[in-house]
Amino acid sequence: MMTIIQRSPKEQRERIRNGFDTVPTTGMCAGYTQANLVILPKEYAFDFLLFANRNPKPCPIVDVMEPGQIVSNIADPTSNICTDIGKYRIYKKGELIEEVEDITPYWRDDFVSFLIGCSYTFENALENAGIEMLFRTAGNNVAMYKTNIPCYQAGIFHGPLVVSMRPVPKRKLVTAVEVTAKFIHTHGAPIHIGDPSKIGIEDITKPSYGDFTPYDEEEYVPVFWACGVTPQEVAKASKPEIMITHTPGYMFISDRKESL
């Protein structure tokens, strides 16, 4: 089981920046908003902002930064979008070309950064409601799946919805929906409960991203939330010149309290 020491967001970002705690950020800084990352050249920024507006479940925007800006508006002035995430992914024309721990060498003055609310934010509330995060207990990353649900297109951007899955005890399903529905800036209520084939997932034991954690099918039901990894599938489908993202599970931890 993971042992997670609770630190302030600033302290946790500093540790990540300095090469410590470069693991998935689930459970870190409980009570604060975590965020997915998308960085694009300015020429694509309006189209992506429109894409997020049309697809608010997978892409709830919590911050949009000015071109060339590296300090997030929802973190203190010492934050740096280039260094404060444990792992980043570089996509060029839809191809994942590299995974790095520091994107400073790639940085351009025309880059616009988008921070998208992450479901890690509401896990603390789920646990307080008596719903264990089984993947975290097992020391795994959350399981994420590409679905057959298309996102609404905007400009060049199009592609399938990605979901994260957490098994929930059958007796706690209503609670899980009620708790997460309040978190509209971090994906909100689930988009699907139960049979994964209904949303195009053929084998739940083989996630597109992250790790599958076994669960007792007599006691638990798979519950699926829209996921901020969706833009990475959109990058593959839309093929912008360059898109920089977080590595799934490795989030930017902001100073913003849980957003209800």
Protein backbone atom coordinates (compact mmCIF):
# COMPACT_ATOMS: atom_id res chain seq x y z
CA MET A 1 0.00 0.00 0.00
CA MET A 2 1.23 3.51 -0.83
CA THR A 3 2.30 5.66 2.12
CA ILE A 4 1.52 9.26 1.25
CA ILE A 5 2.86 12.12 3.33
CA GLN A 6 0.59 15.14 3.14
CA ARG A 7 2.47 18.34 2.28
CA SER A 8 1.44 21.77 1.11
CA PRO A 9 1.07 22.11 -2.69
CA LYS A 10 4.14 24.37 -2.79
CA GLU A 11 6.25 21.84 -0.89
CA GLN A 12 5.03 18.98 -3.06
CA ARG A 13 5.75 20.87 -6.30
CA GLU A 14 9.25 21.65 -5.03
CA ARG A 15 9.88 17.97 -4.32
CA ILE A 16 8.69 17.01 -7.80
CA ARG A 17 10.78 19.79 -9.37
CA ASN A 18 13.87 18.48 -7.57
CA GLY A 19 13.38 14.89 -8.70
CA PHE A 20 11.60 13.46 -5.65
CA ASP A 21 8.13 11.85 -5.60
CA THR A 22 8.15 11.35 -9.37
CA VAL A 23 5.25 8.91 -9.09
CA PRO A 24 1.53 9.26 -9.83
CA THR A 25 0.14 12.06 -7.66
CA THR A 26 -3.00 10.31 -6.46
CA GLY A 27 -3.54 11.02 -2.77
CA MET A 28 -1.03 13.86 -2.60
CA CYS A 29 -2.12 17.21 -1.15
CA ALA A 30 -5.59 16.02 -0.19
CA GLY A 31 -8.08 18.87 -0.39
CA TYR A 32 -6.38 20.66 -3.30
CA THR A 33 -7.17 20.66 -7.01
CA GLN A 34 -4.95 18.55 -9.24
CA ALA A 35 -4.83 19.21 -12.97
CA ASN A 36 -4.02 17.63 -16.31
CA LEU A 37 -1.84 19.62 -18.71
CA VAL A 38 -2.09 20.55 -22.38
CA ILE A 39 0.45 22.90 -24.01
CA LEU A 40 -0.02 24.06 -27.59
CA PRO A 41 1.34 26.78 -29.88
CA LYS A 42 -0.78 29.92 -29.80
CA GLU A 43 -2.11 29.23 -33.31
CA TYR A 44 -4.03 26.25 -31.91
CA ALA A 45 -5.09 27.83 -28.61
CA PHE A 46 -8.51 29.16 -29.63
CA ASP A 47 -9.50 25.90 -31.29
CA PHE A 48 -8.51 23.94 -28.19
CA LEU A 49 -10.31 26.36 -25.88
CA LEU A 50 -13.42 25.91 -28.02
CA PHE A 51 -12.91 22.13 -27.93
CA ALA A 52 -12.78 22.22 -24.12
CA ASN A 53 -15.88 24.41 -24.00
CA ARG A 54 -17.77 21.90 -26.14
CA ASN A 55 -16.48 18.95 -24.09
CA PRO A 56 -16.61 20.12 -20.46
CA LYS A 57 -16.82 16.65 -18.91
CA PRO A 58 -13.37 15.46 -20.08
CA CYS A 59 -11.85 18.96 -20.36
CA PRO A 60 -13.00 21.21 -17.50
CA ILE A 61 -10.63 24.16 -17.72
CA VAL A 62 -9.25 25.41 -14.39
CA ASP A 63 -6.56 27.71 -15.83
CA VAL A 64 -5.48 29.14 -19.18
CA MET A 65 -2.10 30.83 -19.20
CA GLU A 66 -0.85 33.66 -21.41
CA PRO A 67 1.49 32.80 -24.30
CA GLY A 68 4.93 32.09 -22.87
CA GLN A 69 3.70 32.16 -19.26
CA ILE A 70 5.23 29.46 -17.04
CA VAL A 71 3.71 30.45 -13.66
CA SER A 72 0.22 29.08 -13.15
CA ASN A 73 -2.52 31.48 -12.08
CA ILE A 74 -3.72 28.89 -9.54
CA ALA A 75 -0.34 28.32 -7.88
CA ASP A 76 2.16 30.55 -6.12
CA PRO A 77 4.80 32.59 -8.03
CA THR A 78 7.46 29.91 -7.52
CA SER A 79 5.53 27.42 -9.65
CA ASN A 80 6.87 26.44 -13.05
CA ILE A 81 4.75 24.57 -15.58
CA CYS A 82 7.94 23.25 -17.20
CA THR A 83 9.28 21.43 -14.12
CA ASP A 84 6.49 20.87 -11.58
CA ILE A 85 5.01 17.70 -13.07
CA GLY A 86 6.80 14.39 -12.54
CA LYS A 87 6.64 13.28 -16.18
CA TYR A 88 5.61 14.93 -19.44
CA ARG A 89 4.81 13.61 -22.89
CA ILE A 90 5.81 15.26 -26.17
CA TYR A 91 3.53 14.62 -29.15
CA LYS A 92 4.54 15.76 -32.64
CA LYS A 93 1.99 15.44 -35.44
CA GLY A 94 0.11 12.87 -33.40
CA GLU A 95 3.10 10.72 -32.51
CA LEU A 96 4.41 10.32 -28.96
CA ILE A 97 8.10 11.01 -29.45
CA GLU A 98 9.45 11.35 -25.93
CA GLU A 99 8.67 11.24 -22.21
CA VAL A 100 10.69 13.66 -20.09
CA GLU A 101 10.85 15.09 -16.55
CA ASP A 102 11.56 18.70 -17.62
CA ILE A 103 10.19 20.45 -20.71
CA THR A 104 12.37 23.55 -20.42
CA PRO A 105 14.41 22.54 -23.50
CA TYR A 106 11.19 22.39 -25.54
CA TRP A 107 9.72 25.65 -24.27
CA ARG A 108 8.64 28.34 -26.75
CA ASP A 109 7.39 31.88 -26.18
CA ASP A 110 4.24 31.14 -28.19
CA PHE A 111 3.18 28.19 -26.01
CA VAL A 112 -0.20 28.44 -24.30
CA SER A 113 -0.76 26.15 -21.32
CA PHE A 114 -4.14 24.75 -20.30
CA LEU A 115 -4.76 23.15 -16.91
CA ILE A 116 -7.71 20.76 -16.90
CA GLY A 117 -9.34 19.56 -13.68
CA CYS A 118 -8.43 16.01 -12.61
CA SER A 119 -10.52 13.37 -10.86
CA TYR A 120 -7.73 12.79 -8.34
CA THR A 121 -9.20 15.92 -6.74
CA PHE A 122 -12.41 14.20 -5.63
CA GLU A 123 -10.82 10.98 -4.40
CA ASN A 124 -10.39 12.47 -0.92
CA ALA A 125 -14.14 13.11 -0.75
CA LEU A 126 -14.89 9.57 -1.96
CA GLU A 127 -12.64 8.12 0.73
CA ASN A 128 -14.29 10.29 3.37
CA ALA A 129 -17.58 8.76 2.19
CA GLY A 130 -16.21 5.27 2.81
CA ILE A 131 -15.19 4.37 -0.75
CA GLU A 132 -11.68 2.93 -0.85
CA MET A 133 -9.41 3.70 -3.80
CA LEU A 134 -8.44 0.11 -4.50
CA PHE A 135 -5.80 1.03 -7.09
CA ARG A 136 -4.00 3.21 -4.56
CA THR A 137 -4.12 0.51 -1.89
CA ALA A 138 -2.46 -1.80 -4.43
CA GLY A 139 0.22 0.79 -5.23
CA ASN A 140 -1.01 1.23 -8.81
CA ASN A 141 -1.95 4.06 -11.13
CA VAL A 142 -5.66 4.51 -11.89
CA ALA A 143 -6.95 2.58 -14.93
CA MET A 144 -7.89 4.73 -17.96
CA TYR A 145 -9.59 3.59 -21.16
CA LYS A 146 -10.18 4.90 -24.66
CA THR A 147 -13.91 4.64 -25.41
CA ASN A 148 -16.10 4.60 -28.52
CA ILE A 149 -17.70 7.91 -27.50
CA PRO A 150 -16.65 10.73 -29.85
CA CYS A 151 -15.95 14.20 -28.52
CA TYR A 152 -17.52 17.21 -30.19
CA GLN A 153 -15.11 18.61 -32.75
CA ALA A 154 -13.74 22.16 -32.68
CA GLY A 155 -11.40 23.38 -35.39
CA ILE A 156 -8.79 20.70 -35.98
CA PHE A 157 -9.45 18.98 -32.67
CA HIS A 158 -11.42 15.73 -32.61
CA GLY A 159 -11.09 12.28 -31.10
CA PRO A 160 -12.54 9.78 -28.62
CA LEU A 161 -13.39 10.28 -24.97
CA VAL A 162 -11.07 8.70 -22.40
CA VAL A 163 -12.43 7.58 -19.03
CA SER A 164 -10.90 6.67 -15.67
CA MET A 165 -12.33 3.71 -13.76
CA ARG A 166 -12.66 3.09 -10.05
CA PRO A 167 -14.47 0.05 -8.67
CA VAL A 168 -17.19 1.10 -6.21
CA PRO A 169 -19.05 -1.18 -3.77
CA LYS A 170 -22.58 -1.79 -5.03
CA ARG A 171 -24.03 -0.40 -1.81
CA LYS A 172 -22.08 2.85 -2.36
CA LEU A 173 -22.99 3.60 -5.98
CA VAL A 174 -25.49 6.35 -5.18
CA THR A 175 -23.01 7.89 -2.76
CA ALA A 176 -20.26 7.90 -5.39
CA VAL A 177 -22.51 9.69 -7.88
CA GLU A 178 -23.74 12.22 -5.34
CA VAL A 179 -20.26 13.00 -4.02
CA THR A 180 -18.55 13.48 -7.38
CA ALA A 181 -21.46 15.34 -9.02
CA LYS A 182 -20.49 18.34 -6.89
CA PHE A 183 -17.01 18.50 -8.44
CA ILE A 184 -18.02 20.11 -11.72
CA HIS A 185 -14.50 21.50 -12.33
CA THR A 186 -12.87 18.08 -11.96
CA HIS A 187 -15.11 15.91 -14.19
CA GLY A 188 -18.18 15.70 -11.96
CA ALA A 189 -20.47 12.67 -11.90
CA PRO A 190 -19.65 9.41 -13.71
CA ILE A 191 -20.52 9.08 -17.39
CA HIS A 192 -21.09 5.31 -17.18
CA ILE A 193 -21.63 2.60 -14.55
CA GLY A 194 -21.35 -1.13 -15.17
CA ASP A 195 -20.81 -3.04 -18.42
CA PRO A 196 -17.63 -1.60 -20.02
CA SER A 197 -18.53 -2.97 -23.46
CA LYS A 198 -21.34 -0.41 -23.64
CA ILE A 199 -18.71 2.31 -24.08
CA GLY A 200 -16.38 0.31 -26.31
CA ILE A 201 -14.06 -1.22 -23.72
CA GLU A 202 -13.54 -4.81 -24.85
CA ASP A 203 -11.28 -6.00 -22.02
CA ILE A 204 -11.37 -4.13 -18.73
CA THR A 205 -8.16 -5.86 -17.62
CA LYS A 206 -6.23 -4.07 -20.38
CA PRO A 207 -6.46 -0.30 -19.81
CA SER A 208 -5.23 2.14 -22.46
CA TYR A 209 -3.31 4.01 -19.75
CA GLY A 210 -2.46 3.24 -16.13
CA ASP A 211 -2.92 -0.08 -14.37
CA PHE A 212 -5.77 -2.52 -13.89
CA THR A 213 -6.36 -3.42 -10.25
CA PRO A 214 -8.40 -6.62 -9.73
CA TYR A 215 -11.61 -6.37 -7.70
CA ASP A 216 -14.36 -8.68 -6.47
CA GLU A 217 -17.11 -8.56 -9.10
CA GLU A 218 -19.66 -9.80 -6.56
CA GLU A 219 -19.06 -6.77 -4.35
CA TYR A 220 -17.89 -4.04 -6.74
CA VAL A 221 -19.12 -2.37 -9.94
CA PRO A 222 -16.79 -0.51 -12.34
CA VAL A 223 -17.61 3.20 -12.42
CA PHE A 224 -16.27 5.41 -15.21
CA TRP A 225 -15.57 9.13 -15.09
CA ALA A 226 -14.60 11.39 -18.01
CA CYS A 227 -10.83 11.83 -17.99
CA GLY A 228 -8.37 14.63 -18.74
CA VAL A 229 -6.20 12.21 -20.72
CA THR A 230 -8.74 12.68 -23.53
CA PRO A 231 -6.59 15.41 -25.17
CA GLN A 232 -3.81 12.86 -25.66
CA GLU A 233 -6.10 10.73 -27.81
CA VAL A 234 -7.19 13.95 -29.51
CA ALA A 235 -3.53 14.75 -30.25
CA LYS A 236 -3.17 11.36 -31.95
CA ALA A 237 -6.28 11.93 -34.04
CA SER A 238 -5.84 15.63 -34.83
CA LYS A 239 -2.04 15.71 -35.31
CA PRO A 240 -1.15 19.29 -34.29
CA GLU A 241 2.45 20.31 -34.97
CA ILE A 242 3.28 19.78 -31.29
CA MET A 243 1.34 19.12 -28.09
CA ILE A 244 2.94 18.70 -24.68
CA THR A 245 0.98 16.96 -21.94
CA HIS A 246 1.46 15.37 -18.55
CA THR A 247 2.07 11.64 -18.44
CA PRO A 248 -1.21 10.01 -17.34
CA GLY A 249 -1.37 9.92 -13.56
CA TYR A 250 1.33 12.59 -13.05
CA MET A 251 -0.58 15.80 -12.33
CA PHE A 252 0.08 19.45 -11.63
CA ILE A 253 -0.86 20.16 -8.01
CA SER A 254 -2.36 23.62 -7.61
CA ASP A 255 -2.95 25.85 -4.59
CA ARG A 256 -6.69 25.92 -5.29
CA LYS A 257 -8.85 24.13 -2.75
CA GLU A 258 -11.13 21.30 -3.87
CA SER A 259 -13.60 22.91 -6.23
CA LEU A 260 -17.22 22.07 -5.49
